């Protein structure tokens, strides 16, 4: 038993220190041990699922979470159930399977948890807010995020407060209220720097790059996007790299550098498509259509728009559909 405990501690240390591939292999080796208790299996399967998710291996992550969930439900371990349900929700959300993700998050809200574990409900509120924002229901997104923020403030969870400010900034961003968006992104960045959460720091840097671009602060935008790209590469965060490439493409488009805009948008689309990120791919295809329109490549605009619009309908994303229709109108006006 002592040897097993040491092995588990070693695996957890690897989880913290090494790259994704090494950590995944180490956790799988530990899981081969036949003397693990149910509690240990739940913990290790959850950690493995979380690491697979971070490595964008979503199908494998989902299977790990389902395995852990079955054991946790049999043990009636509400804390572990909540944790694993959140993992399943995030995995479906990353694949833009929004109805399935929402169903898992709602299950978390229905669970009975107490004390510090209430932050799991805050996480569910926050993730639901992000989904409603993507679907264009900004009122519901704001309501959900405020619920999350209240919980985080109650338990003095700095990382949670930072995330809440970040998501509220994003809600304002997609409503084109860029000054308010900038205010919340800056609040989030200050908190993230204090707690040194690199994934959160990346998100803030990329967001600040986007909002400064919308405010025509191109120098600041490129500065933040470059910092975000460096951090994403350091973290081997592939989807993060894709989003920053798209942001840089948008910046170049606004500055009239259509060649670089097209290059960066295509790179972003390729990466997002390979990772099944439909929301991001649609946004960059719409951006690419704008590049083609500005470059007077009219034969490329309509097919790109039609592809993006069809994907938007499949995703049931009203903001993306509206943006596609607006570019259609601009295109036909230019062709007249």
C-alpha atoms as a PDB file:
ATOM      1  CA  UNK A   1       0.000   0.000   0.000  1.00  0.00           C
ATOM      2  CA  UNK A   2       2.840   2.399   0.830  1.00  0.00           C
ATOM      3  CA  UNK A   3       4.418   1.675  -2.571  1.00  0.00           C
ATOM      4  CA  UNK A   4       1.117   2.361  -4.292  1.00  0.00           C
ATOM      5  CA  UNK A   5       0.747   5.668  -2.413  1.00  0.00           C
ATOM      6  CA  UNK A   6       4.241   6.741  -3.477  1.00  0.00           C
ATOM      7  CA  UNK A   7       3.426   5.789  -7.092  1.00  0.00           C
ATOM      8  CA  UNK A   8       0.266   7.894  -6.987  1.00  0.00           C
ATOM      9  CA  UNK A   9       2.137  10.880  -5.578  1.00  0.00           C
ATOM     10  CA  UNK A  10       4.775  10.436  -8.302  1.00  0.00           C
ATOM     11  CA  UNK A  11       2.062  10.402 -10.964  1.00  0.00           C
ATOM     12  CA  UNK A  12       0.493  13.568  -9.602  1.00  0.00           C
ATOM     13  CA  UNK A  13       3.905  15.293  -9.571  1.00  0.00           C
ATOM     14  CA  UNK A  14       4.372  14.335 -13.201  1.00  0.00           C
ATOM     15  CA  UNK A  15       0.917  15.727 -13.901  1.00  0.00           C
ATOM     16  CA  UNK A  16       2.052  19.082 -12.620  1.00  0.00           C
ATOM     17  CA  UNK A  17       5.571  19.203 -14.061  1.00  0.00           C
ATOM     18  CA  UNK A  18       5.837  17.375 -17.386  1.00  0.00           C
ATOM     19  CA  UNK A  19       4.378  17.886 -20.860  1.00  0.00           C
ATOM     20  CA  UNK A  20       0.990  16.449 -21.800  1.00  0.00           C
ATOM     21  CA  UNK A  21       2.322  13.318 -23.524  1.00  0.00           C
ATOM     22  CA  UNK A  22       4.557  12.329 -20.593  1.00  0.00           C
ATOM     23  CA  UNK A  23       1.836  12.993 -18.031  1.00  0.00           C
ATOM     24  CA  UNK A  24      -0.749  11.025 -20.012  1.00  0.00           C
ATOM     25  CA  UNK A  25       1.596   8.030 -20.338  1.00  0.00           C
ATOM     26  CA  UNK A  26       2.475   8.166 -16.634  1.00  0.00           C
ATOM     27  CA  UNK A  27      -1.157   8.281 -15.539  1.00  0.00           C
ATOM     28  CA  UNK A  28      -2.022   5.352 -17.778  1.00  0.00           C
ATOM     29  CA  UNK A  29       0.820   3.324 -16.285  1.00  0.00           C
ATOM     30  CA  UNK A  30      -0.466   3.999 -12.780  1.00  0.00           C
ATOM     31  CA  UNK A  31      -4.015   3.049 -13.833  1.00  0.00           C
ATOM     32  CA  UNK A  32      -2.704  -0.383 -14.890  1.00  0.00           C
ATOM     33  CA  UNK A  33      -2.189  -1.171 -11.199  1.00  0.00           C
ATOM     34  CA  UNK A  34      -4.815  -3.711 -10.096  1.00  0.00           C
ATOM     35  CA  UNK A  35      -4.751  -2.609  -6.434  1.00  0.00           C
ATOM     36  CA  UNK A  36      -6.256   0.836  -6.911  1.00  0.00           C
ATOM     37  CA  UNK A  37      -9.296   1.770  -4.838  1.00  0.00           C
ATOM     38  CA  UNK A  38     -12.403   3.207  -6.482  1.00  0.00           C
ATOM     39  CA  UNK A  39     -11.530   6.644  -5.097  1.00  0.00           C
ATOM     40  CA  UNK A  40      -8.054   6.474  -6.627  1.00  0.00           C
ATOM     41  CA  UNK A  41      -9.427   5.352  -9.995  1.00  0.00           C
ATOM     42  CA  UNK A  42     -11.885   8.269 -10.034  1.00  0.00           C
ATOM     43  CA  UNK A  43      -9.106  10.734  -9.258  1.00  0.00           C
ATOM     44  CA  UNK A  44      -6.678   9.321 -11.824  1.00  0.00           C
ATOM     45  CA  UNK A  45      -9.292   8.903 -14.569  1.00  0.00           C
ATOM     46  CA  UNK A  46     -10.400  12.489 -13.996  1.00  0.00           C
ATOM     47  CA  UNK A  47      -6.800  13.734 -14.182  1.00  0.00           C
ATOM     48  CA  UNK A  48      -6.192  11.697 -17.324  1.00  0.00           C
ATOM     49  CA  UNK A  49      -9.395  12.990 -18.926  1.00  0.00           C
ATOM     50  CA  UNK A  50      -8.478  16.554 -18.030  1.00  0.00           C
ATOM     51  CA  UNK A  51      -5.001  16.197 -19.547  1.00  0.00           C
ATOM     52  CA  UNK A  52      -6.374  14.593 -22.707  1.00  0.00           C
ATOM     53  CA  UNK A  53      -8.816  17.488 -22.970  1.00  0.00           C
ATOM     54  CA  UNK A  54      -6.000  20.015 -22.598  1.00  0.00           C
ATOM     55  CA  UNK A  55      -4.190  18.148 -25.380  1.00  0.00           C
ATOM     56  CA  UNK A  56      -7.357  18.491 -27.528  1.00  0.00           C
ATOM     57  CA  UNK A  57      -7.917  14.695 -27.602  1.00  0.00           C
ATOM     58  CA  UNK A  58     -11.578  15.074 -26.828  1.00  0.00           C
ATOM     59  CA  UNK A  59     -12.926  11.607 -27.646  1.00  0.00           C
ATOM     60  CA  UNK A  60     -10.384   9.947 -25.369  1.00  0.00           C
ATOM     61  CA  UNK A  61     -11.050  12.532 -22.644  1.00  0.00           C
ATOM     62  CA  UNK A  62     -14.784  11.849 -22.809  1.00  0.00           C
ATOM     63  CA  UNK A  63     -14.259   8.107 -22.320  1.00  0.00           C
ATOM     64  CA  UNK A  64     -12.104   8.728 -19.230  1.00  0.00           C
ATOM     65  CA  UNK A  65     -14.702  11.040 -17.718  1.00  0.00           C
ATOM     66  CA  UNK A  66     -17.542   8.584 -18.393  1.00  0.00           C
ATOM     67  CA  UNK A  67     -15.564   5.782 -16.714  1.00  0.00           C
ATOM     68  CA  UNK A  68     -14.931   7.974 -13.661  1.00  0.00           C
ATOM     69  CA  UNK A  69     -18.560   9.126 -13.580  1.00  0.00           C
ATOM     70  CA  UNK A  70     -19.910   5.576 -13.461  1.00  0.00           C
ATOM     71  CA  UNK A  71     -17.792   4.758 -10.416  1.00  0.00           C
ATOM     72  CA  UNK A  72     -18.580   8.070  -8.690  1.00  0.00           C
ATOM     73  CA  UNK A  73     -22.313   7.566  -9.195  1.00  0.00           C
ATOM     74  CA  UNK A  74     -22.099   4.037  -7.816  1.00  0.00           C
ATOM     75  CA  UNK A  75     -20.276   5.405  -4.756  1.00  0.00           C
ATOM     76  CA  UNK A  76     -22.756   8.315  -4.504  1.00  0.00           C
ATOM     77  CA  UNK A  77     -19.772  10.659  -4.311  1.00  0.00           C
ATOM     78  CA  UNK A  78     -21.400  14.002  -5.149  1.00  0.00           C
ATOM     79  CA  UNK A  79     -18.166  15.994  -5.132  1.00  0.00           C
ATOM     80  CA  UNK A  80     -16.521  13.691  -7.669  1.00  0.00           C
ATOM     81  CA  UNK A  81     -19.720  13.526  -9.718  1.00  0.00           C
ATOM     82  CA  UNK A  82     -19.767  17.320 -10.033  1.00  0.00           C
ATOM     83  CA  UNK A  83     -16.105  17.429 -11.000  1.00  0.00           C
ATOM     84  CA  UNK A  84     -16.482  14.784 -13.691  1.00  0.00           C
ATOM     85  CA  UNK A  85     -19.719  16.281 -15.053  1.00  0.00           C
ATOM     86  CA  UNK A  86     -17.862  19.571 -15.531  1.00  0.00           C
ATOM     87  CA  UNK A  87     -15.135  17.691 -17.406  1.00  0.00           C
ATOM     88  CA  UNK A  88     -17.712  16.100 -19.693  1.00  0.00           C
ATOM     89  CA  UNK A  89     -19.383  19.463 -20.254  1.00  0.00           C
ATOM     90  CA  UNK A  90     -16.113  21.138 -21.189  1.00  0.00           C
ATOM     91  CA  UNK A  91     -15.242  18.299 -23.569  1.00  0.00           C
ATOM     92  CA  UNK A  92     -18.552  18.651 -25.419  1.00  0.00           C
ATOM     93  CA  UNK A  93     -18.275  22.442 -25.357  1.00  0.00           C
ATOM     94  CA  UNK A  94     -14.811  22.281 -26.943  1.00  0.00           C
ATOM     95  CA  UNK A  95     -16.339  20.262 -29.798  1.00  0.00           C
ATOM     96  CA  UNK A  96     -19.188  22.821 -29.988  1.00  0.00           C
ATOM     97  CA  UNK A  97     -21.722  20.158 -28.981  1.00  0.00           C
ATOM     98  CA  UNK A  98     -23.600  22.830 -27.048  1.00  0.00           C
ATOM     99  CA  UNK A  99     -26.857  21.003 -26.146  1.00  0.00           C
ATOM    100  CA  UNK A 100     -24.899  18.088 -24.645  1.00  0.00           C
ATOM    101  CA  UNK A 101     -22.564  20.458 -22.774  1.00  0.00           C
ATOM    102  CA  UNK A 102     -25.483  22.435 -21.322  1.00  0.00           C
ATOM    103  CA  UNK A 103     -27.145  19.216 -20.158  1.00  0.00           C
ATOM    104  CA  UNK A 104     -24.038  18.222 -18.164  1.00  0.00           C
ATOM    105  CA  UNK A 105     -23.663  21.702 -16.650  1.00  0.00           C
ATOM    106  CA  UNK A 106     -27.327  21.725 -15.601  1.00  0.00           C
ATOM    107  CA  UNK A 107     -26.765  18.409 -13.837  1.00  0.00           C
ATOM    108  CA  UNK A 108     -24.019  20.074 -11.793  1.00  0.00           C
ATOM    109  CA  UNK A 109     -26.419  22.839 -10.736  1.00  0.00           C
ATOM    110  CA  UNK A 110     -28.887  20.183  -9.534  1.00  0.00           C
ATOM    111  CA  UNK A 111     -26.302  18.429  -7.342  1.00  0.00           C
ATOM    112  CA  UNK A 112     -26.157  18.957  -3.558  1.00  0.00           C
ATOM    113  CA  UNK A 113     -22.728  20.360  -2.632  1.00  0.00           C
ATOM    114  CA  UNK A 114     -21.557  22.458   0.300  1.00  0.00           C
ATOM    115  CA  UNK A 115     -18.680  24.676   1.449  1.00  0.00           C
ATOM    116  CA  UNK A 116     -15.847  25.350  -0.968  1.00  0.00           C
ATOM    117  CA  UNK A 117     -17.261  22.767  -3.408  1.00  0.00           C
ATOM    118  CA  UNK A 118     -19.935  25.292  -4.343  1.00  0.00           C
ATOM    119  CA  UNK A 119     -17.314  26.710  -6.727  1.00  0.00           C
ATOM    120  CA  UNK A 120     -18.160  23.778  -9.005  1.00  0.00           C
ATOM    121  CA  UNK A 121     -21.603  25.319  -9.436  1.00  0.00           C
ATOM    122  CA  UNK A 122     -19.911  28.610 -10.224  1.00  0.00           C
ATOM    123  CA  UNK A 123     -17.876  26.829 -12.908  1.00  0.00           C
ATOM    124  CA  UNK A 124     -21.081  25.411 -14.391  1.00  0.00           C
ATOM    125  CA  UNK A 125     -22.695  28.878 -14.438  1.00  0.00           C
ATOM    126  CA  UNK A 126     -19.579  30.309 -16.102  1.00  0.00           C
ATOM    127  CA  UNK A 127     -19.385  27.646 -18.825  1.00  0.00           C
ATOM    128  CA  UNK A 128     -23.112  27.959 -19.529  1.00  0.00           C
ATOM    129  CA  UNK A 129     -22.620  31.706 -19.848  1.00  0.00           C
ATOM    130  CA  UNK A 130     -19.964  31.148 -22.523  1.00  0.00           C
ATOM    131  CA  UNK A 131     -22.302  28.871 -24.471  1.00  0.00           C
ATOM    132  CA  UNK A 132     -25.242  31.280 -24.322  1.00  0.00           C
ATOM    133  CA  UNK A 133     -22.905  34.042 -25.473  1.00  0.00           C
ATOM    134  CA  UNK A 134     -21.861  31.905 -28.470  1.00  0.00           C
ATOM    135  CA  UNK A 135     -25.528  31.260 -29.274  1.00  0.00           C
ATOM    136  CA  UNK A 136     -26.358  34.977 -29.107  1.00  0.00           C
ATOM    137  CA  UNK A 137     -28.446  34.950 -25.931  1.00  0.00           C
ATOM    138  CA  UNK A 138     -26.502  37.752 -24.240  1.00  0.00           C
ATOM    139  CA  UNK A 139     -29.056  38.418 -21.526  1.00  0.00           C
ATOM    140  CA  UNK A 140     -28.890  34.822 -20.326  1.00  0.00           C
ATOM    141  CA  UNK A 141     -25.111  34.789 -20.700  1.00  0.00           C
ATOM    142  CA  UNK A 142     -24.799  37.868 -18.482  1.00  0.00           C
ATOM    143  CA  UNK A 143     -27.219  36.433 -15.907  1.00  0.00           C
ATOM    144  CA  UNK A 144     -25.279  33.162 -15.691  1.00  0.00           C
ATOM    145  CA  UNK A 145     -21.933  34.913 -15.366  1.00  0.00           C
ATOM    146  CA  UNK A 146     -23.168  37.191 -12.593  1.00  0.00           C
ATOM    147  CA  UNK A 147     -24.307  34.084 -10.700  1.00  0.00           C
ATOM    148  CA  UNK A 148     -20.809  32.651 -11.100  1.00  0.00           C
ATOM    149  CA  UNK A 149     -19.162  35.909 -10.016  1.00  0.00           C
ATOM    150  CA  UNK A 150     -21.285  36.105  -6.848  1.00  0.00           C
ATOM    151  CA  UNK A 151     -20.165  32.623  -5.790  1.00  0.00           C
ATOM    152  CA  UNK A 152     -16.499  33.332  -6.539  1.00  0.00           C
ATOM    153  CA  UNK A 153     -16.619  36.582  -4.556  1.00  0.00           C
ATOM    154  CA  UNK A 154     -18.344  34.846  -1.647  1.00  0.00           C
ATOM    155  CA  UNK A 155     -15.565  32.254  -1.299  1.00  0.00           C
ATOM    156  CA  UNK A 156     -12.808  34.733  -2.315  1.00  0.00           C
ATOM    157  CA  UNK A 157     -11.717  32.657  -5.322  1.00  0.00           C
ATOM    158  CA  UNK A 158      -9.332  34.952  -7.231  1.00  0.00           C
ATOM    159  CA  UNK A 159      -9.041  32.679 -10.287  1.00  0.00           C
ATOM    160  CA  UNK A 160     -12.824  32.397 -10.486  1.00  0.00           C
ATOM    161  CA  UNK A 161     -13.259  36.159 -10.195  1.00  0.00           C
ATOM    162  CA  UNK A 162     -10.702  36.637 -12.972  1.00  0.00           C
ATOM    163  CA  UNK A 163     -12.550  34.183 -15.230  1.00  0.00           C
ATOM    164  CA  UNK A 164     -15.869  35.916 -14.522  1.00  0.00           C
ATOM    165  CA  UNK A 165     -14.447  39.311 -15.457  1.00  0.00           C
ATOM    166  CA  UNK A 166     -12.984  37.777 -18.620  1.00  0.00           C
ATOM    167  CA  UNK A 167     -16.314  36.263 -19.695  1.00  0.00           C
ATOM    168  CA  UNK A 168     -18.241  39.462 -18.927  1.00  0.00           C
ATOM    169  CA  UNK A 169     -15.697  41.275 -21.084  1.00  0.00           C
ATOM    170  CA  UNK A 170     -16.396  38.804 -23.874  1.00  0.00           C
ATOM    171  CA  UNK A 171     -20.165  39.318 -23.574  1.00  0.00           C
ATOM    172  CA  UNK A 172     -19.636  43.061 -23.998  1.00  0.00           C
ATOM    173  CA  UNK A 173     -17.213  42.373 -26.885  1.00  0.00           C
ATOM    174  CA  UNK A 174     -19.781  40.475 -28.937  1.00  0.00           C
ATOM    175  CA  UNK A 175     -22.329  43.211 -28.315  1.00  0.00           C
ATOM    176  CA  UNK A 176     -19.741  45.630 -29.761  1.00  0.00           C
ATOM    177  CA  UNK A 177     -19.463  47.531 -26.481  1.00  0.00           C
ATOM    178  CA  UNK A 178     -15.694  47.605 -26.746  1.00  0.00           C
ATOM    179  CA  UNK A 179     -14.857  50.182 -24.066  1.00  0.00           C
ATOM    180  CA  UNK A 180     -16.737  48.142 -21.425  1.00  0.00           C
ATOM    181  CA  UNK A 181     -15.136  44.977 -22.795  1.00  0.00           C
ATOM    182  CA  UNK A 182     -11.655  46.491 -22.440  1.00  0.00           C
ATOM    183  CA  UNK A 183     -12.398  47.480 -18.834  1.00  0.00           C
ATOM    184  CA  UNK A 184     -13.311  43.919 -17.817  1.00  0.00           C
ATOM    185  CA  UNK A 185     -10.452  42.311 -19.753  1.00  0.00           C
ATOM    186  CA  UNK A 186      -7.979  44.608 -17.987  1.00  0.00           C
ATOM    187  CA  UNK A 187      -9.481  43.699 -14.591  1.00  0.00           C
ATOM    188  CA  UNK A 188      -9.115  40.016 -15.441  1.00  0.00           C
ATOM    189  CA  UNK A 189      -5.503  40.462 -16.614  1.00  0.00           C
ATOM    190  CA  UNK A 190      -4.477  42.196 -13.356  1.00  0.00           C
ATOM    191  CA  UNK A 191      -5.902  39.312 -11.300  1.00  0.00           C
ATOM    192  CA  UNK A 192      -4.386  36.650 -13.572  1.00  0.00           C
ATOM    193  CA  UNK A 193      -0.939  38.200 -13.281  1.00  0.00           C
ATOM    194  CA  UNK A 194      -1.218  38.131  -9.482  1.00  0.00           C
ATOM    195  CA  UNK A 195      -2.144  34.444  -9.309  1.00  0.00           C
ATOM    196  CA  UNK A 196       0.132  33.505 -12.252  1.00  0.00           C
ATOM    197  CA  UNK A 197      -2.373  31.231 -14.053  1.00  0.00           C
ATOM    198  CA  UNK A 198      -0.786  30.943 -17.492  1.00  0.00           C
ATOM    199  CA  UNK A 199      -3.850  29.643 -19.354  1.00  0.00           C
ATOM    200  CA  UNK A 200      -5.888  32.529 -17.968  1.00  0.00           C
ATOM    201  CA  UNK A 201      -3.086  34.991 -18.755  1.00  0.00           C
ATOM    202  CA  UNK A 202      -3.098  33.690 -22.346  1.00  0.00           C
ATOM    203  CA  UNK A 203      -6.881  34.241 -22.609  1.00  0.00           C
ATOM    204  CA  UNK A 204      -6.569  37.799 -21.306  1.00  0.00           C
ATOM    205  CA  UNK A 205      -3.695  38.643 -23.666  1.00  0.00           C
ATOM    206  CA  UNK A 206      -5.593  37.311 -26.688  1.00  0.00           C
ATOM    207  CA  UNK A 207      -8.767  39.120 -25.625  1.00  0.00           C
ATOM    208  CA  UNK A 208      -6.915  42.401 -25.151  1.00  0.00           C
ATOM    209  CA  UNK A 209      -5.417  41.930 -28.615  1.00  0.00           C
ATOM    210  CA  UNK A 210      -8.897  41.535 -30.093  1.00  0.00           C
ATOM    211  CA  UNK A 211     -10.539  44.456 -28.332  1.00  0.00           C
ATOM    212  CA  UNK A 212      -7.656  46.864 -29.082  1.00  0.00           C
ATOM    213  CA  UNK A 213      -7.998  45.891 -32.750  1.00  0.00           C
ATOM    214  CA  UNK A 214     -11.706  46.768 -32.675  1.00  0.00           C
ATOM    215  CA  UNK A 215     -10.807  50.113 -31.100  1.00  0.00           C
ATOM    216  CA  UNK A 216      -8.264  50.692 -33.918  1.00  0.00           C
ATOM    217  CA  UNK A 217      -5.359  50.551 -31.461  1.00  0.00           C
ATOM    218  CA  UNK A 218      -3.313  48.455 -33.885  1.00  0.00           C
ATOM    219  CA  UNK A 219       0.053  48.778 -32.179  1.00  0.00           C
ATOM    220  CA  UNK A 220      -1.400  47.655 -28.842  1.00  0.00           C
ATOM    221  CA  UNK A 221      -3.365  44.887 -30.560  1.00  0.00           C
ATOM    222  CA  UNK A 222      -0.296  43.384 -32.213  1.00  0.00           C
ATOM    223  CA  UNK A 223       1.646  43.674 -28.948  1.00  0.00           C
ATOM    224  CA  UNK A 224      -0.921  41.675 -26.970  1.00  0.00           C
ATOM    225  CA  UNK A 225      -1.486  39.157 -29.761  1.00  0.00           C
ATOM    226  CA  UNK A 226       2.248  38.550 -30.093  1.00  0.00           C
ATOM    227  CA  UNK A 227       2.557  37.988 -26.325  1.00  0.00           C
ATOM    228  CA  UNK A 228      -0.430  35.616 -26.456  1.00  0.00           C
ATOM    229  CA  UNK A 229       1.066  33.677 -29.380  1.00  0.00           C
ATOM    230  CA  UNK A 230       4.399  33.261 -27.581  1.00  0.00           C
ATOM    231  CA  UNK A 231       2.642  31.985 -24.453  1.00  0.00           C
ATOM    232  CA  UNK A 232       0.368  29.623 -26.415  1.00  0.00           C
ATOM    233  CA  UNK A 233       3.395  28.097 -28.139  1.00  0.00           C
ATOM    234  CA  UNK A 234       5.201  27.742 -24.818  1.00  0.00           C
ATOM    235  CA  UNK A 235       2.164  25.939 -23.381  1.00  0.00           C
ATOM    236  CA  UNK A 236       1.728  23.856 -26.572  1.00  0.00           C
ATOM    237  CA  UNK A 237      -1.826  25.191 -26.603  1.00  0.00           C
ATOM    238  CA  UNK A 238      -2.905  24.444 -30.163  1.00  0.00           C
ATOM    239  CA  UNK A 239      -6.357  25.998 -30.071  1.00  0.00           C
ATOM    240  CA  UNK A 240      -4.832  29.066 -28.420  1.00  0.00           C
ATOM    241  CA  UNK A 241      -2.339  29.361 -31.259  1.00  0.00           C
ATOM    242  CA  UNK A 242      -5.213  29.109 -33.751  1.00  0.00           C
ATOM    243  CA  UNK A 243      -7.234  31.880 -32.121  1.00  0.00           C
ATOM    244  CA  UNK A 244      -4.293  34.272 -31.973  1.00  0.00           C
ATOM    245  CA  UNK A 245      -3.479  33.638 -35.639  1.00  0.00           C
ATOM    246  CA  UNK A 246      -7.080  34.540 -36.442  1.00  0.00           C
ATOM    247  CA  UNK A 247      -6.850  37.680 -34.305  1.00  0.00           C
ATOM    248  CA  UNK A 248      -3.640  38.765 -36.047  1.00  0.00           C
ATOM    249  CA  UNK A 249      -5.353  38.167 -39.384  1.00  0.00           C
ATOM    250  CA  UNK A 250      -8.203  40.451 -38.340  1.00  0.00           C
ATOM    251  CA  UNK A 251      -5.685  43.109 -37.320  1.00  0.00           C
ATOM    252  CA  UNK A 252      -3.940  42.960 -40.688  1.00  0.00           C
ATOM    253  CA  UNK A 253      -7.317  43.190 -42.438  1.00  0.00           C
ATOM    254  CA  UNK A 254      -8.165  46.395 -40.561  1.00  0.00           C
ATOM    255  CA  UNK A 255      -4.767  47.844 -41.544  1.00  0.00           C
ATOM    256  CA  UNK A 256      -5.293  46.904 -45.199  1.00  0.00           C
ATOM    257  CA  UNK A 257      -2.516  44.285 -45.344  1.00  0.00           C
ATOM    258  CA  UNK A 258      -4.693  41.779 -47.203  1.00  0.00           C
ATOM    259  CA  UNK A 259      -1.906  39.332 -48.071  1.00  0.00           C
ATOM    260  CA  UNK A 260      -0.953  38.772 -44.416  1.00  0.00           C
ATOM    261  CA  UNK A 261      -4.608  38.800 -43.387  1.00  0.00           C
ATOM    262  CA  UNK A 262      -5.382  35.947 -45.812  1.00  0.00           C
ATOM    263  CA  UNK A 263      -2.352  33.914 -44.707  1.00  0.00           C
ATOM    264  CA  UNK A 264      -3.200  34.168 -40.993  1.00  0.00           C
ATOM    265  CA  UNK A 265      -6.915  33.500 -41.469  1.00  0.00           C
ATOM    266  CA  UNK A 266      -6.225  30.359 -43.511  1.00  0.00           C
ATOM    267  CA  UNK A 267      -3.765  29.091 -40.899  1.00  0.00           C
ATOM    268  CA  UNK A 268      -6.351  29.651 -38.159  1.00  0.00           C
ATOM    269  CA  UNK A 269      -9.095  27.880 -40.132  1.00  0.00           C
ATOM    270  CA  UNK A 270      -6.857  24.884 -40.831  1.00  0.00           C
ATOM    271  CA  UNK A 271      -5.968  24.453 -37.156  1.00  0.00           C
ATOM    272  CA  UNK A 272      -9.528  24.972 -35.901  1.00  0.00           C
ATOM    273  CA  UNK A 273     -10.990  22.575 -38.453  1.00  0.00           C
ATOM    274  CA  UNK A 274      -8.483  19.883 -37.448  1.00  0.00           C
ATOM    275  CA  UNK A 275      -9.629  20.286 -33.818  1.00  0.00           C
ATOM    276  CA  UNK A 276     -13.355  20.419 -34.692  1.00  0.00           C
ATOM    277  CA  UNK A 277     -13.719  23.941 -33.318  1.00  0.00           C
ATOM    278  CA  UNK A 278     -16.694  24.964 -35.440  1.00  0.00           C
ATOM    279  CA  UNK A 279     -17.319  28.284 -33.656  1.00  0.00           C
ATOM    280  CA  UNK A 280     -13.769  29.488 -34.271  1.00  0.00           C
ATOM    281  CA  UNK A 281     -13.611  28.128 -37.823  1.00  0.00           C
ATOM    282  CA  UNK A 282     -16.842  29.916 -38.760  1.00  0.00           C
ATOM    283  CA  UNK A 283     -15.588  33.214 -37.380  1.00  0.00           C
ATOM    284  CA  UNK A 284     -12.368  32.996 -39.346  1.00  0.00           C
ATOM    285  CA  UNK A 285     -14.143  31.917 -42.537  1.00  0.00           C
ATOM    286  CA  UNK A 286     -16.298  35.024 -42.203  1.00  0.00           C
ATOM    287  CA  UNK A 287     -13.112  37.011 -41.687  1.00  0.00           C
ATOM    288  CA  UNK A 288     -11.563  35.382 -44.754  1.00  0.00           C
ATOM    289  CA  UNK A 289     -14.651  36.319 -46.780  1.00  0.00           C
ATOM    290  CA  UNK A 290     -14.079  39.951 -45.743  1.00  0.00           C
ATOM    291  CA  UNK A 291     -10.462  39.665 -46.900  1.00  0.00           C
ATOM    292  CA  UNK A 292     -11.592  38.318 -50.280  1.00  0.00           C
ATOM    293  CA  UNK A 293     -14.148  41.119 -50.549  1.00  0.00           C
ATOM    294  CA  UNK A 294     -11.555  43.810 -49.824  1.00  0.00           C
ATOM    295  CA  UNK A 295      -9.118  42.165 -52.258  1.00  0.00           C
ATOM    296  CA  UNK A 296     -11.882  42.061 -54.910  1.00  0.00           C
ATOM    297  CA  UNK A 297     -11.586  38.272 -55.175  1.00  0.00           C
ATOM    298  CA  UNK A 298     -15.334  38.127 -55.727  1.00  0.00           C
ATOM    299  CA  UNK A 299     -15.309  34.549 -57.027  1.00  0.00           C
ATOM    300  CA  UNK A 300     -13.993  33.436 -53.608  1.00  0.00           C
ATOM    301  CA  UNK A 301     -16.333  35.468 -51.403  1.00  0.00           C
ATOM    302  CA  UNK A 302     -19.672  33.734 -52.020  1.00  0.00           C
ATOM    303  CA  UNK A 303     -18.477  30.097 -51.625  1.00  0.00           C
ATOM    304  CA  UNK A 304     -16.666  31.021 -48.397  1.00  0.00           C
ATOM    305  CA  UNK A 305     -19.742  32.802 -47.037  1.00  0.00           C
ATOM    306  CA  UNK A 306     -22.090  29.962 -47.996  1.00  0.00           C
ATOM    307  CA  UNK A 307     -19.837  27.476 -46.195  1.00  0.00           C
ATOM    308  CA  UNK A 308     -19.704  29.662 -43.067  1.00  0.00           C
ATOM    309  CA  UNK A 309     -23.462  30.259 -43.113  1.00  0.00           C
ATOM    310  CA  UNK A 310     -24.253  26.555 -43.405  1.00  0.00           C
ATOM    311  CA  UNK A 311     -21.946  25.788 -40.483  1.00  0.00           C
ATOM    312  CA  UNK A 312     -23.578  28.601 -38.460  1.00  0.00           C
ATOM    313  CA  UNK A 313     -27.024  27.113 -39.039  1.00  0.00           C
ATOM    314  CA  UNK A 314     -25.823  23.664 -37.990  1.00  0.00           C
ATOM    315  CA  UNK A 315     -24.390  25.211 -34.828  1.00  0.00           C
ATOM    316  CA  UNK A 316     -27.553  27.313 -34.322  1.00  0.00           C
ATOM    317  CA  UNK A 317     -25.359  30.365 -33.717  1.00  0.00           C
ATOM    318  CA  UNK A 318     -27.440  33.476 -34.370  1.00  0.00           C
ATOM    319  CA  UNK A 319     -24.503  35.929 -34.083  1.00  0.00           C
ATOM    320  CA  UNK A 320     -22.501  34.029 -36.697  1.00  0.00           C
ATOM    321  CA  UNK A 321     -25.536  33.774 -39.018  1.00  0.00           C
ATOM    322  CA  UNK A 322     -26.193  37.515 -38.689  1.00  0.00           C
ATOM    323  CA  UNK A 323     -22.579  38.327 -39.469  1.00  0.00           C
ATOM    324  CA  UNK A 324     -22.685  36.091 -42.554  1.00  0.00           C
ATOM    325  CA  UNK A 325     -25.837  37.797 -43.861  1.00  0.00           C
ATOM    326  CA  UNK A 326     -24.280  41.227 -43.306  1.00  0.00           C
ATOM    327  CA  UNK A 327     -21.247  40.270 -45.384  1.00  0.00           C
ATOM    328  CA  UNK A 328     -23.566  38.870 -48.080  1.00  0.00           C
ATOM    329  CA  UNK A 329     -25.267  42.290 -48.264  1.00  0.00           C
ATOM    330  CA  UNK A 330     -21.902  44.080 -48.482  1.00  0.00           C
ATOM    331  CA  UNK A 331     -20.809  41.678 -51.224  1.00  0.00           C
ATOM    332  CA  UNK A 332     -23.904  42.140 -53.398  1.00  0.00           C
ATOM    333  CA  UNK A 333     -23.717  45.920 -52.956  1.00  0.00           C
ATOM    334  CA  UNK A 334     -20.123  45.871 -54.164  1.00  0.00           C
ATOM    335  CA  UNK A 335     -20.976  43.638 -57.130  1.00  0.00           C
ATOM    336  CA  UNK A 336     -23.778  45.918 -58.357  1.00  0.00           C
END
